[in-house]
Amino acid sequence: MPFLNRIDAGRRLATNLLSYRGQDVVILALPRGGVPVAHEVARALRAPLDVLVVRKLGVPLQPELAVGAISEDGVRVLADDVIRVAHVSDADLSAVEAHERVELNRRAARLRAGRPAEPLAGRIAIVVDDGIATGSTVRAACRVARARGAARIVVAVPVAPPGAFGRLAADLDEFVCLETPEPFFAIGEFYADFCQVTDAEVSALLERATVLPRVDVPPMAGGDGPTVLREDATIPAGARRLAADLCLPAGAAGIVVFAHGSGSSRFSPRNRQVAAVLNAAGLGTLLLDLLAPDEELDRANVFDIPLLAGRLAAATAWLRARPDTAASRIGYFGASTGAAAALWAAGAPGADIACVVSRGGRPDLAGPRLAAVRAPTLLIVGGDDAEVLALNRQARAHLTCESRLEVVRGATHLFAEPGTLEQAAHLAEAWFLRYLSAT
């Protein structure tokens, strides 16, 4: 199953669109299913989110079969081959369109709740849906965006049939799709959770969507600034400078620094999913690249635990030097080899780390430092990850601090099974809230 749900799909899709961050971009979601996907893309690109309301035109007495689609501004796209095979008359088509046009106008007014449509003139429009079947709704959306003056149109979807790009090529400038499986029957078969999205959920996501500019110096607490700070940061680490993403909710109880493993980066979709859960709980997060791009080419660096731990220590020192984070309690979240780095850094002399969480980690690689760790440590391992589970049990025997081992049933090493990563995220959330909120 390629995608757990629409949020997972959106986060994975966003990693393929990061080149657009910093450009004049508008994310255009096709409601309703496309909005949760697009919301994640908009967050990753720091871009505004809007909707393009498109209604399918169904064959009379067989409405699930689309003969076309309509959208705002009077746009209509027809599938002539379907009209011909289904013997749809002009009168039937006009009746269906009149009915759907009323519903389209009603839904557009309801979803926007008085908010004006995002201007598109001269901007890059990224049209996002949860998948493509016939392509008629996406084609209508592209034509609306073009009519509103978009300078470039990008269609981005998690899944589509193999021939989708060819059918849409005339209406777009770029096509981004993660999966083009064969055979292809329906979008929902590629999601573990494809439950219906309600208008209320769409409105809530649009209301929450916020564009937070890149800043070099974060705003001080108080005043009329944003309730969540998102900053693209650069952290000095000796002769190197590490790229990082800081998310700091107002009044954050503490900050979790992520140690990615096995050559992963701050764009790891799994760690970003965990970070989103922590942010929603009021915790700050710092996701950073522990290795510079040229260092990643040498696989030995991935297993250089002292090197990775030193980079974590540098990030911790950077947080403690900032006026808005100096007093925050700090925890570490490590995955794979990053878990060993987190424990190594937490066990260093003078380290003041409130707690550590390992997800599918290799704490055994921190061997000589395990006994020195004083931070309460949670080890989360997949129940079907037998080898790593055994290594975690052995490593825990060397910990002298408070520790716990949580086994997520049915999960393998990457927690790719439906619902398993969410379980791990909420276990981590509870641990961090317990120790980062303590006085």
Protein backbone atom coordinates (compact mmCIF):
# COMPACT_ATOMS: atom_id res chain seq x y z
CA MET A 1 0.00 0.00 0.00
CA PRO A 2 1.86 3.15 -1.18
CA PHE A 3 0.19 5.69 1.17
CA LEU A 4 -1.08 5.48 4.73
CA ASN A 5 -3.51 8.37 4.26
CA ARG A 6 -3.75 11.75 2.55
CA ILE A 7 -1.47 13.41 5.09
CA ASP A 8 1.25 10.84 4.47
CA ALA A 9 0.78 11.30 0.71
CA GLY A 10 1.00 15.09 1.04
CA ARG A 11 4.22 15.00 3.03
CA ARG A 12 5.84 12.61 0.58
CA LEU A 13 4.63 14.69 -2.36
CA ALA A 14 6.05 17.84 -0.77
CA THR A 15 9.57 16.41 -0.77
CA ASN A 16 9.40 16.36 -4.58
CA LEU A 17 8.36 20.02 -4.75
CA LEU A 18 10.89 21.63 -2.43
CA SER A 19 12.63 23.35 -5.35
CA TYR A 20 9.63 25.71 -5.42
CA ARG A 21 10.14 26.89 -1.83
CA GLY A 22 10.94 30.60 -1.85
CA GLN A 23 9.31 31.21 -5.24
CA ASP A 24 6.01 33.04 -5.83
CA VAL A 25 3.85 29.93 -5.53
CA VAL A 26 0.17 29.31 -4.78
CA ILE A 27 -1.03 25.83 -3.84
CA LEU A 28 -4.44 25.10 -5.36
CA ALA A 29 -6.28 22.15 -3.85
CA LEU A 30 -9.12 20.25 -5.46
CA PRO A 31 -11.73 19.67 -2.75
CA ARG A 32 -12.41 17.68 -0.94
CA GLY A 33 -9.84 14.90 -0.99
CA GLY A 34 -7.06 17.07 -2.38
CA VAL A 35 -7.14 19.57 0.48
CA PRO A 36 -5.39 17.46 3.17
CA VAL A 37 -2.71 16.56 0.61
CA ALA A 38 -2.29 20.18 -0.49
CA HIS A 39 -2.22 21.42 3.10
CA GLU A 40 0.97 19.43 3.72
CA VAL A 41 2.51 20.72 0.48
CA ALA A 42 1.67 24.32 1.40
CA ARG A 43 3.25 23.89 4.84
CA ALA A 44 6.45 22.46 3.39
CA LEU A 45 6.75 25.17 0.72
CA ARG A 46 5.65 28.01 3.06
CA ALA A 47 3.10 28.91 0.38
CA PRO A 48 -0.52 30.12 0.47
CA LEU A 49 -3.28 27.52 0.11
CA ASP A 50 -6.50 28.03 -1.84
CA VAL A 51 -9.13 25.79 -3.40
CA LEU A 52 -10.33 25.37 -6.96
CA VAL A 53 -13.83 24.00 -6.78
CA VAL A 54 -14.47 21.57 -9.62
CA ARG A 55 -17.60 19.46 -10.10
CA LYS A 56 -17.74 16.26 -12.10
CA LEU A 57 -20.39 15.96 -14.80
CA GLY A 58 -21.75 12.42 -14.57
CA VAL A 59 -23.63 10.36 -17.12
CA PRO A 60 -27.37 10.46 -16.37
CA LEU A 61 -28.42 7.30 -14.47
CA GLN A 62 -24.71 6.45 -14.11
CA PRO A 63 -23.28 9.49 -12.27
CA GLU A 64 -20.06 7.76 -11.18
CA LEU A 65 -18.95 7.80 -14.86
CA ALA A 66 -17.64 11.27 -15.69
CA VAL A 67 -18.32 12.87 -19.05
CA GLY A 68 -16.50 16.02 -18.03
CA ALA A 69 -16.14 18.62 -15.32
CA ILE A 70 -16.94 22.24 -14.62
CA SER A 71 -15.16 24.75 -12.45
CA GLU A 72 -15.36 28.34 -11.41
CA ASP A 73 -15.27 31.15 -13.96
CA GLY A 74 -17.48 29.17 -16.34
CA VAL A 75 -14.84 26.62 -17.35
CA ARG A 76 -16.13 23.33 -18.79
CA VAL A 77 -14.06 20.31 -19.87
CA LEU A 78 -15.73 17.44 -21.73
CA ALA A 79 -14.62 13.86 -22.44
CA ASP A 80 -15.91 13.52 -25.99
CA ASP A 81 -15.16 9.80 -26.19
CA VAL A 82 -17.26 9.07 -23.09
CA ILE A 83 -20.10 11.27 -24.35
CA ARG A 84 -20.10 9.37 -27.62
CA VAL A 85 -19.97 5.88 -26.09
CA ALA A 86 -22.57 6.71 -23.40
CA HIS A 87 -24.88 8.41 -25.94
CA VAL A 88 -25.27 11.56 -23.83
CA SER A 89 -27.39 14.16 -25.62
CA ASP A 90 -26.82 17.91 -25.51
CA ALA A 91 -30.04 18.30 -23.52
CA ASP A 92 -28.91 15.73 -20.95
CA LEU A 93 -25.51 17.38 -20.66
CA SER A 94 -27.06 20.84 -20.17
CA ALA A 95 -29.36 19.55 -17.44
CA VAL A 96 -26.48 17.88 -15.58
CA GLU A 97 -24.32 20.99 -15.88
CA ALA A 98 -27.09 23.30 -14.61
CA HIS A 99 -27.55 21.12 -11.54
CA GLU A 100 -23.83 20.83 -10.83
CA ARG A 101 -23.25 24.57 -11.38
CA VAL A 102 -25.63 25.38 -8.52
CA GLU A 103 -23.81 22.96 -6.24
CA LEU A 104 -20.42 24.31 -7.36
CA ASN A 105 -21.32 27.89 -6.47
CA ARG A 106 -22.77 26.82 -3.12
CA ARG A 107 -19.70 24.81 -2.19
CA ALA A 108 -17.24 27.50 -3.26
CA ALA A 109 -19.01 30.06 -1.06
CA ARG A 110 -19.13 27.64 1.87
CA LEU A 111 -15.50 26.55 1.72
CA ARG A 112 -14.05 30.01 1.32
CA ALA A 113 -16.26 31.43 4.09
CA GLY A 114 -15.86 34.95 2.75
CA ARG A 115 -12.12 34.68 2.04
CA PRO A 116 -11.23 36.04 -1.41
CA ALA A 117 -9.61 33.76 -3.95
CA GLU A 118 -5.81 33.92 -3.97
CA PRO A 119 -4.56 36.05 -6.91
CA LEU A 120 -2.78 33.98 -9.56
CA ALA A 121 -1.60 36.57 -12.10
CA GLY A 122 2.07 36.05 -12.86
CA ARG A 123 2.49 33.37 -10.18
CA ILE A 124 3.24 29.63 -10.16
CA ALA A 125 0.09 27.59 -9.55
CA ILE A 126 0.61 24.08 -8.14
CA VAL A 127 -2.63 22.12 -8.57
CA VAL A 128 -2.88 19.30 -6.02
CA ASP A 129 -5.34 16.41 -5.71
CA ASP A 130 -5.24 13.06 -3.89
CA GLY A 131 -4.96 11.29 -7.24
CA ILE A 132 -6.04 11.28 -10.87
CA ALA A 133 -8.54 8.91 -12.43
CA THR A 134 -9.86 10.32 -15.74
CA GLY A 135 -8.11 13.68 -15.38
CA SER A 136 -11.14 15.79 -16.30
CA THR A 137 -11.32 17.61 -12.96
CA VAL A 138 -7.59 18.36 -12.98
CA ARG A 139 -7.80 19.60 -16.57
CA ALA A 140 -10.63 21.96 -15.62
CA ALA A 141 -8.60 23.25 -12.68
CA CYS A 142 -5.59 23.90 -14.92
CA ARG A 143 -7.72 25.91 -17.32
CA VAL A 144 -9.13 27.98 -14.50
CA ALA A 145 -5.62 28.73 -13.25
CA ARG A 146 -4.52 29.68 -16.76
CA ALA A 147 -7.56 31.93 -17.20
CA ARG A 148 -6.66 33.71 -13.95
CA GLY A 149 -3.22 34.53 -15.29
CA ALA A 150 -0.97 31.88 -13.75
CA ALA A 151 2.49 32.10 -15.34
CA ARG A 152 3.26 28.41 -14.78
CA ILE A 153 1.02 25.47 -13.90
CA VAL A 154 2.30 22.41 -12.07
CA VAL A 155 0.06 19.42 -11.39
CA ALA A 156 1.19 17.41 -8.35
CA VAL A 157 -0.54 14.20 -7.26
CA PRO A 158 0.47 11.13 -5.27
CA VAL A 159 -0.93 8.61 -7.76
CA ALA A 160 -2.25 8.48 -11.34
CA PRO A 161 -2.64 5.95 -14.15
CA PRO A 162 0.35 5.60 -16.49
CA GLY A 163 -1.17 7.64 -19.32
CA ALA A 164 -2.27 10.61 -17.23
CA PHE A 165 0.49 13.00 -18.27
CA GLY A 166 -0.19 12.49 -21.96
CA ARG A 167 -3.86 13.39 -21.51
CA LEU A 168 -3.03 16.52 -19.50
CA ALA A 169 0.14 17.74 -21.20
CA ALA A 170 -1.55 20.46 -23.23
CA ASP A 171 -2.91 22.15 -20.10
CA LEU A 172 0.13 22.19 -17.81
CA ASP A 173 3.84 22.97 -17.68
CA GLU A 174 5.04 20.29 -15.26
CA PHE A 175 3.64 17.03 -13.92
CA VAL A 176 4.78 15.59 -10.56
CA CYS A 177 3.45 12.15 -9.62
CA LEU A 178 4.86 9.69 -7.07
CA GLU A 179 3.18 6.50 -8.30
CA THR A 180 1.86 5.42 -11.71
CA PRO A 181 0.84 1.80 -11.05
CA GLU A 182 -0.40 -0.68 -13.60
CA PRO A 183 -3.14 -1.85 -13.48
CA PHE A 184 -5.01 1.17 -12.17
CA PHE A 185 -8.65 0.85 -11.14
CA ALA A 186 -9.37 3.53 -8.52
CA ILE A 187 -7.45 6.10 -6.47
CA GLY A 188 -8.62 4.68 -3.16
CA GLU A 189 -6.95 1.31 -3.72
CA PHE A 190 -3.57 2.97 -3.18
CA TYR A 191 -4.43 4.35 0.27
CA ALA A 192 -4.69 2.38 3.51
CA ASP A 193 -7.09 5.07 4.78
CA PHE A 194 -9.19 6.77 2.10
CA CYS A 195 -12.09 7.95 4.23
CA GLN A 196 -14.29 10.75 2.93
CA VAL A 197 -13.21 14.31 3.69
CA THR A 198 -16.01 16.60 4.88
CA ASP A 199 -16.62 20.25 3.99
CA ALA A 200 -16.01 21.10 7.65
CA GLU A 201 -12.56 19.48 7.53
CA VAL A 202 -11.74 21.36 4.33
CA SER A 203 -12.77 24.68 5.87
CA ALA A 204 -10.72 23.98 8.98
CA LEU A 205 -7.60 23.21 6.95
CA LEU A 206 -8.03 26.36 4.88
CA GLU A 207 -8.49 28.37 8.05
CA ARG A 208 -5.33 26.89 9.60
CA ALA A 209 -3.20 27.38 6.50
CA THR A 210 -0.77 30.14 7.30
CA VAL A 211 2.11 31.58 5.34
CA LEU A 212 5.04 32.27 7.63
CA PRO A 213 7.97 34.07 5.99
CA ARG A 214 11.55 32.98 6.26
CA VAL A 215 13.28 35.01 8.97
CA ASP A 216 16.88 35.44 10.06
CA VAL A 217 16.09 36.69 13.56
CA PRO A 218 12.97 35.22 15.18
CA PRO A 219 10.38 37.55 16.73
CA MET A 220 10.48 37.83 20.49
CA ALA A 221 7.68 36.40 22.59
CA GLY A 222 4.61 38.56 22.95
CA GLY A 223 3.25 41.23 20.64
CA ASP A 224 1.26 40.60 17.52
CA GLY A 225 3.63 38.12 15.83
CA PRO A 226 2.65 34.70 14.53
CA THR A 227 1.67 32.00 17.01
CA VAL A 228 4.06 29.57 15.31
CA LEU A 229 7.55 30.49 14.16
CA ARG A 230 8.93 28.54 11.20
CA GLU A 231 12.50 29.35 10.30
CA ASP A 232 14.95 28.03 7.74
CA ALA A 233 18.14 28.12 9.78
CA THR A 234 21.86 27.55 9.32
CA ILE A 235 23.71 26.14 12.32
CA PRO A 236 27.50 26.41 12.72
CA ALA A 237 29.24 23.12 13.55
CA GLY A 238 32.98 23.65 13.50
CA ALA A 239 34.02 24.36 9.93
CA ARG A 240 30.65 23.20 8.65
CA ARG A 241 27.25 24.87 8.52
CA LEU A 242 24.19 22.65 8.86
CA ALA A 243 20.82 23.36 7.21
CA ALA A 244 17.88 23.11 9.63
CA ASP A 245 14.14 23.72 9.95
CA LEU A 246 12.94 25.17 13.24
CA CYS A 247 9.28 25.11 14.25
CA LEU A 248 8.51 26.92 17.48
CA PRO A 249 4.87 27.14 18.67
CA ALA A 250 4.23 30.06 21.01
CA GLY A 251 4.80 29.01 24.61
CA ALA A 252 6.38 25.71 23.56
CA ALA A 253 6.93 23.42 26.53
CA GLY A 254 10.26 22.30 25.11
CA ILE A 255 12.14 21.57 21.90
CA VAL A 256 12.87 18.21 20.30
CA VAL A 257 16.01 17.96 18.17
CA PHE A 258 15.81 15.24 15.50
CA ALA A 259 18.78 13.02 14.72
CA HIS A 260 18.16 11.38 11.36
CA GLY A 261 19.85 8.12 10.58
CA SER A 262 21.21 6.04 7.71
CA GLY A 263 22.03 9.06 5.59
CA SER A 264 18.55 10.59 5.80
CA SER A 265 18.02 14.35 5.98
CA ARG A 266 15.77 16.95 7.55
CA PHE A 267 13.28 16.19 4.76
CA SER A 268 12.69 12.64 6.01
CA PRO A 269 8.91 12.19 5.59
CA ARG A 270 8.67 9.86 8.60
CA ASN A 271 10.44 12.20 10.97
CA ARG A 272 8.45 15.14 9.62
CA GLN A 273 5.27 13.23 10.36
CA VAL A 274 6.43 12.70 13.95
CA ALA A 275 7.46 16.37 14.18
CA ALA A 276 3.98 17.47 13.07
CA VAL A 277 2.44 15.45 15.92
CA LEU A 278 4.81 17.08 18.39
CA ASN A 279 4.11 20.56 17.02
CA ALA A 280 0.37 19.98 17.37
CA ALA A 281 1.02 19.08 21.02
CA GLY A 282 2.74 22.44 21.57
CA LEU A 283 6.35 21.22 21.33
CA GLY A 284 9.04 22.89 19.27
CA THR A 285 11.07 20.85 16.79
CA LEU A 286 14.43 21.25 15.09
CA LEU A 287 15.07 19.03 12.08
CA LEU A 288 18.58 19.35 10.72
CA ASP A 289 21.00 17.73 8.32
CA LEU A 290 23.69 16.12 10.46
CA LEU A 291 25.90 15.73 7.40
CA ALA A 292 26.75 18.20 4.66
CA PRO A 293 25.97 17.05 1.08
CA ASP A 294 29.59 16.16 0.29
CA GLU A 295 29.91 14.24 3.58
CA GLU A 296 26.90 12.08 2.70
CA LEU A 297 28.84 10.61 -0.23
CA ASP A 298 31.06 8.74 2.24
CA ARG A 299 28.90 6.02 3.83
CA ALA A 300 31.38 5.72 6.70
CA ASN A 301 30.13 9.09 7.97
CA VAL A 302 26.65 7.64 8.46
CA PHE A 303 28.07 5.29 11.10
CA ASP A 304 30.48 7.80 12.66
CA ILE A 305 28.47 8.12 15.86
CA PRO A 306 30.85 10.58 17.62
CA LEU A 307 30.73 12.84 14.53
CA LEU A 308 26.93 12.80 14.42
CA ALA A 309 26.71 13.33 18.18
CA GLY A 310 29.01 16.33 17.87
CA ARG A 311 26.65 17.86 15.31
CA LEU A 312 23.74 17.33 17.72
CA ALA A 313 25.72 19.04 20.47
CA ALA A 314 26.36 21.98 18.13
CA ALA A 315 22.63 22.29 17.38
CA THR A 316 21.86 22.15 21.10
CA ALA A 317 24.39 24.91 21.80
CA TRP A 318 22.82 27.00 19.02
CA LEU A 319 19.38 26.67 20.60
CA ARG A 320 20.74 27.64 24.02
CA ALA A 321 22.36 30.73 22.57
CA ARG A 322 19.12 32.11 21.13
CA PRO A 323 17.08 34.46 23.33
CA ASP A 324 13.78 32.77 22.41
CA THR A 325 14.95 29.20 23.12
CA ALA A 326 17.67 29.65 25.75
CA ALA A 327 15.39 28.60 28.61
CA SER A 328 13.71 25.71 26.78
CA ARG A 329 14.17 22.13 27.90
CA ILE A 330 15.62 20.03 25.10
CA GLY A 331 14.97 16.42 24.12
CA TYR A 332 16.41 14.24 21.38
CA PHE A 333 14.54 12.04 18.89
CA GLY A 334 16.72 9.59 17.00
CA ALA A 335 16.02 7.09 14.24
CA SER A 336 18.34 4.30 13.10
CA THR A 337 21.96 5.45 13.60
CA GLY A 338 20.60 8.81 14.72
CA ALA A 339 19.37 7.15 17.91
CA ALA A 340 22.94 6.12 18.76
CA ALA A 341 24.09 9.70 18.11
CA ALA A 342 21.33 11.03 20.37
CA LEU A 343 22.33 8.74 23.23
CA TRP A 344 26.04 9.47 22.71
CA ALA A 345 25.38 13.21 22.90
CA ALA A 346 23.03 12.84 25.87
CA GLY A 347 25.71 10.89 27.75
CA ALA A 348 28.47 13.44 27.17
CA PRO A 349 29.92 15.13 30.28
CA GLY A 350 27.86 18.20 31.14
CA ALA A 351 25.04 17.37 28.74
CA ASP A 352 21.73 18.66 30.03
CA ILE A 353 19.20 16.75 27.92
CA ALA A 354 15.75 16.25 29.41
CA CYS A 355 14.91 12.99 27.61
CA VAL A 356 15.61 10.80 24.58
CA VAL A 357 13.32 8.84 22.25
CA SER A 358 14.59 6.24 19.78
CA ARG A 359 12.35 5.03 16.93
CA GLY A 360 13.61 1.93 15.17
CA GLY A 361 17.04 2.97 16.43
CA ARG A 362 20.43 1.38 16.92
CA PRO A 363 21.22 2.33 20.52
CA ASP A 364 23.75 -0.51 20.60
CA LEU A 365 26.07 1.62 18.44
CA ALA A 366 26.42 4.04 21.37
CA GLY A 367 27.83 1.16 23.45
CA PRO A 368 30.52 2.89 25.57
CA ARG A 369 28.29 5.88 26.29
CA LEU A 370 25.09 4.05 27.28
CA ALA A 371 25.96 3.78 30.97
CA ALA A 372 26.63 7.53 31.11
CA VAL A 373 23.17 8.56 29.85
CA ARG A 374 21.08 10.19 32.58
CA ALA A 375 18.17 11.37 30.42
CA PRO A 376 15.01 9.20 30.63
CA THR A 377 15.03 7.12 27.45
CA LEU A 378 12.19 5.57 25.46
CA LEU A 379 13.02 2.87 22.92
CA ILE A 380 10.30 2.28 20.29
CA VAL A 381 10.77 -0.77 18.06
CA GLY A 382 8.59 -2.57 15.55
CA GLY A 383 7.36 -5.95 16.67
CA ASP A 384 8.29 -7.48 13.30
CA ASP A 385 11.77 -5.91 13.33
CA ALA A 386 13.26 -8.90 15.12
CA GLU A 387 16.98 -8.15 14.75
CA VAL A 388 16.71 -4.50 15.84
CA LEU A 389 14.36 -5.47 18.67
CA ALA A 390 17.00 -7.84 20.02
CA LEU A 391 19.68 -5.14 19.76
CA ASN A 392 17.45 -2.67 21.65
CA ARG A 393 16.89 -5.17 24.44
CA GLN A 394 20.63 -5.71 24.76
CA ALA A 395 21.35 -1.98 24.73
CA ARG A 396 18.70 -1.26 27.33
CA ALA A 397 20.45 -3.62 29.73
CA HIS A 398 23.41 -1.19 29.69
CA LEU A 399 21.29 1.90 30.44
CA THR A 400 21.35 3.03 34.06
CA CYS A 401 18.84 5.85 33.54
CA GLU A 402 15.05 5.49 33.61
CA SER A 403 14.11 3.64 30.42
CA ARG A 404 11.24 1.92 28.73
CA LEU A 405 10.92 -0.34 25.69
CA GLU A 406 7.72 -0.02 23.65
CA VAL A 407 7.03 -2.59 20.92
CA VAL A 408 4.60 -1.56 18.15
CA ARG A 409 2.87 -4.71 16.97
CA GLY A 410 2.93 -5.39 13.23
CA ALA A 411 5.58 -2.76 12.51
CA THR A 412 8.76 -3.46 10.59
CA HIS A 413 11.91 -1.35 10.68
CA LEU A 414 10.56 1.68 8.78
CA PHE A 415 7.11 1.65 10.43
CA ALA A 416 5.58 1.70 6.95
CA GLU A 417 2.57 -0.43 7.93
CA PRO A 418 -0.76 1.43 8.26
CA GLY A 419 -1.10 3.19 11.60
CA THR A 420 2.25 2.06 13.04
CA LEU A 421 4.10 5.33 12.57
CA GLU A 422 1.18 7.18 14.17
CA GLN A 423 1.45 4.88 17.20
CA ALA A 424 5.18 5.59 17.46
CA ALA A 425 4.58 9.33 17.13
CA HIS A 426 2.04 9.38 19.95
CA LEU A 427 4.28 7.29 22.19
CA ALA A 428 7.02 9.85 21.59
CA GLU A 429 4.60 12.71 22.17
CA ALA A 430 3.61 11.38 25.60
CA TRP A 431 7.25 10.86 26.62
CA PHE A 432 8.35 14.32 25.53
CA LEU A 433 5.38 16.04 27.15
CA ARG A 434 6.11 14.23 30.39
CA TYR A 435 9.77 15.26 30.61
CA LEU A 436 9.92 18.52 28.64
CA SER A 437 7.00 20.00 30.57
CA ALA A 438 8.56 19.17 33.95
CA THR A 439 9.90 22.00 36.09
